[in-house]
C-alpha atoms as a PDB file:
ATOM      1  CA  MET A   1     116.607 120.582 172.947  1.00  0.00           C
ATOM      2  CA  ARG A   2     119.019 123.145 175.302  1.00  0.00           C
ATOM      3  CA  LYS A   3     121.500 121.870 177.631  1.00  0.00           C
ATOM      4  CA  PHE A   4     121.004 122.975 181.462  1.00  0.00           C
ATOM      5  CA  THR A   5     123.541 125.125 182.713  1.00  0.00           C
ATOM      6  CA  SER A   6     124.354 125.831 186.647  1.00  0.00           C
ATOM      7  CA  ASP A   7     121.982 129.128 186.816  1.00  0.00           C
ATOM      8  CA  ASP A   8     118.969 126.557 185.348  1.00  0.00           C
ATOM      9  CA  ILE A   9     119.318 124.318 188.540  1.00  0.00           C
ATOM     10  CA  TYR A  10     117.812 125.334 191.974  1.00  0.00           C
ATOM     11  CA  HIS A  11     118.993 123.560 195.128  1.00  0.00           C
ATOM     12  CA  LEU A  12     115.881 122.935 196.895  1.00  0.00           C
ATOM     13  CA  GLU A  13     117.344 121.002 200.247  1.00  0.00           C
ATOM     14  CA  GLY A  14     120.094 123.568 200.494  1.00  0.00           C
ATOM     15  CA  ARG A  15     117.362 126.404 200.879  1.00  0.00           C
ATOM     16  CA  GLY A  16     115.172 124.509 203.137  1.00  0.00           C
ATOM     17  CA  ILE A  17     112.160 123.495 200.813  1.00  0.00           C
ATOM     18  CA  THR A  18     111.211 119.849 200.800  1.00  0.00           C
ATOM     19  CA  ALA A  19     109.933 117.956 198.159  1.00  0.00           C
ATOM     20  CA  GLU A  20     106.517 117.616 199.569  1.00  0.00           C
ATOM     21  CA  GLN A  21     106.007 121.519 199.563  1.00  0.00           C
ATOM     22  CA  MET A  22     107.299 121.902 196.351  1.00  0.00           C
ATOM     23  CA  ALA A  23     104.529 119.075 194.929  1.00  0.00           C
ATOM     24  CA  LYS A  24     101.813 120.832 196.821  1.00  0.00           C
ATOM     25  CA  TRP A  25     102.769 124.206 195.533  1.00  0.00           C
ATOM     26  CA  VAL A  26     102.971 122.891 191.553  1.00  0.00           C
ATOM     27  CA  ALA A  27      99.398 121.068 192.576  1.00  0.00           C
ATOM     28  CA  GLU A  28      98.108 124.180 193.797  1.00  0.00           C
ATOM     29  CA  ARG A  29      98.910 126.083 190.897  1.00  0.00           C
ATOM     30  CA  THR A  30      98.498 123.939 187.708  1.00  0.00           C
ATOM     31  CA  ASN A  31      96.062 121.072 188.993  1.00  0.00           C
ATOM     32  CA  VAL A  32      99.328 118.462 188.312  1.00  0.00           C
ATOM     33  CA  SER A  33      99.939 115.781 190.859  1.00  0.00           C
ATOM     34  CA  ILE A  34     103.215 115.022 191.554  1.00  0.00           C
ATOM     35  CA  ARG A  35     104.192 111.432 193.468  1.00  0.00           C
ATOM     36  CA  ILE A  36     107.216 111.429 195.539  1.00  0.00           C
ATOM     37  CA  ARG A  37     108.476 108.407 196.731  1.00  0.00           C
ATOM     38  CA  GLN A  38     111.355 108.769 199.126  1.00  0.00           C
ATOM     39  CA  PRO A  39     113.858 105.979 200.336  1.00  0.00           C
ATOM     40  CA  THR A  40     113.392 104.386 203.461  1.00  0.00           C
ATOM     41  CA  ASN A  41     115.415 105.200 206.310  1.00  0.00           C
ATOM     42  CA  VAL A  42     118.523 103.114 206.471  1.00  0.00           C
ATOM     43  CA  GLY A  43     118.491 103.258 210.428  1.00  0.00           C
ATOM     44  CA  VAL A  44     114.824 101.986 210.430  1.00  0.00           C
ATOM     45  CA  LEU A  45     115.858  98.829 208.389  1.00  0.00           C
ATOM     46  CA  PHE A  46     118.518  98.384 210.697  1.00  0.00           C
ATOM     47  CA  ILE A  47     116.487  98.447 214.051  1.00  0.00           C
ATOM     48  CA  MET A  48     113.871  96.406 212.292  1.00  0.00           C
ATOM     49  CA  ASN A  49     116.345  93.674 211.206  1.00  0.00           C
ATOM     50  CA  ILE A  50     118.288  93.866 214.880  1.00  0.00           C
ATOM     51  CA  VAL A  51     114.587  93.126 216.248  1.00  0.00           C
ATOM     52  CA  LYS A  52     113.765  90.145 213.850  1.00  0.00           C
ATOM     53  CA  ARG A  53     117.023  89.082 214.481  1.00  0.00           C
ATOM     54  CA  LYS A  54     116.457  88.650 218.013  1.00  0.00           C
ATOM     55  CA  MET A  55     113.130  87.545 217.848  1.00  0.00           C
ATOM     56  CA  MET A  56     114.067  84.367 215.671  1.00  0.00           C
ATOM     57  CA  CYS A  57     116.937  84.085 218.602  1.00  0.00           C
ATOM     58  CA  MET A  58     114.301  83.973 221.237  1.00  0.00           C
ATOM     59  CA  THR A  59     111.961  81.569 219.376  1.00  0.00           C
ATOM     60  CA  GLY A  60     114.988  79.005 218.561  1.00  0.00           C
ATOM     61  CA  ILE A  61     115.597  79.248 222.285  1.00  0.00           C
ATOM     62  CA  CYS A  62     112.575  78.530 223.721  1.00  0.00           C
ATOM     63  CA  LEU A  63     111.913  75.331 221.299  1.00  0.00           C
ATOM     64  CA  VAL A  64     115.065  74.349 222.488  1.00  0.00           C
ATOM     65  CA  VAL A  65     113.756  74.276 226.240  1.00  0.00           C
ATOM     66  CA  ILE A  66     110.729  72.796 224.983  1.00  0.00           C
ATOM     67  CA  PHE A  67     111.817  69.920 223.294  1.00  0.00           C
ATOM     68  CA  PHE A  68     114.524  69.373 225.808  1.00  0.00           C
ATOM     69  CA  SER A  69     112.078  69.316 228.435  1.00  0.00           C
ATOM     70  CA  TRP A  70     109.647  66.793 226.267  1.00  0.00           C
ATOM     71  CA  LEU A  71     112.441  64.724 225.863  1.00  0.00           C
ATOM     72  CA  LEU A  72     113.551  64.893 229.599  1.00  0.00           C
ATOM     73  CA  SER A  73     110.006  64.088 230.532  1.00  0.00           C
ATOM     74  CA  LEU A  74     109.765  61.015 228.297  1.00  0.00           C
ATOM     75  CA  PHE A  75     112.865  59.718 229.705  1.00  0.00           C
ATOM     76  CA  ARG A  76     111.047  60.142 232.933  1.00  0.00           C
ATOM     77  CA  PHE A  77     108.154  58.306 231.970  1.00  0.00           C
ATOM     78  CA  LYS A  78     110.241  55.297 230.424  1.00  0.00           C
ATOM     79  CA  GLN A  79     112.417  55.244 233.643  1.00  0.00           C
ATOM     80  CA  ARG A  80     110.325  55.049 236.732  1.00  0.00           C
ATOM     81  CA  GLY A  81     112.101  57.388 239.505  1.00  0.00           C
ATOM     82  CA  TYR A  82     114.384  59.212 237.474  1.00  0.00           C
ATOM     83  CA  PRO A  83     114.932  62.527 239.600  1.00  0.00           C
ATOM     84  CA  TYR A  84     115.732  65.101 237.277  1.00  0.00           C
ATOM     85  CA  ARG A  85     112.803  67.276 235.430  1.00  0.00           C
ATOM     86  CA  PHE A  86     113.025  70.760 233.428  1.00  0.00           C
ATOM     87  CA  LEU A  87     109.488  72.058 232.569  1.00  0.00           C
ATOM     88  CA  MET A  88     106.959  69.319 232.032  1.00  0.00           C
ATOM     89  CA  ASP A  89     106.128  66.561 234.009  1.00  0.00           C
END
């Protein structure tokens, strides 16, 4: 088995050739299918994490408001004439 030298390595990205183009070229000429697996974009994961966090925060705030309103309406039901209400009657 021979060792690779610096002349054997061709820097594709530096020349502007993407992995998809190279895989398509190889498949056209040799009928060998190459699957390209690229890592997910870190910016997309970061944005999805922020969106998920905001959704969980809004859901929690809505649940607190609903349960507080329910508790206040229960208190109003027990104490006739209690002047305050929030969401529910």
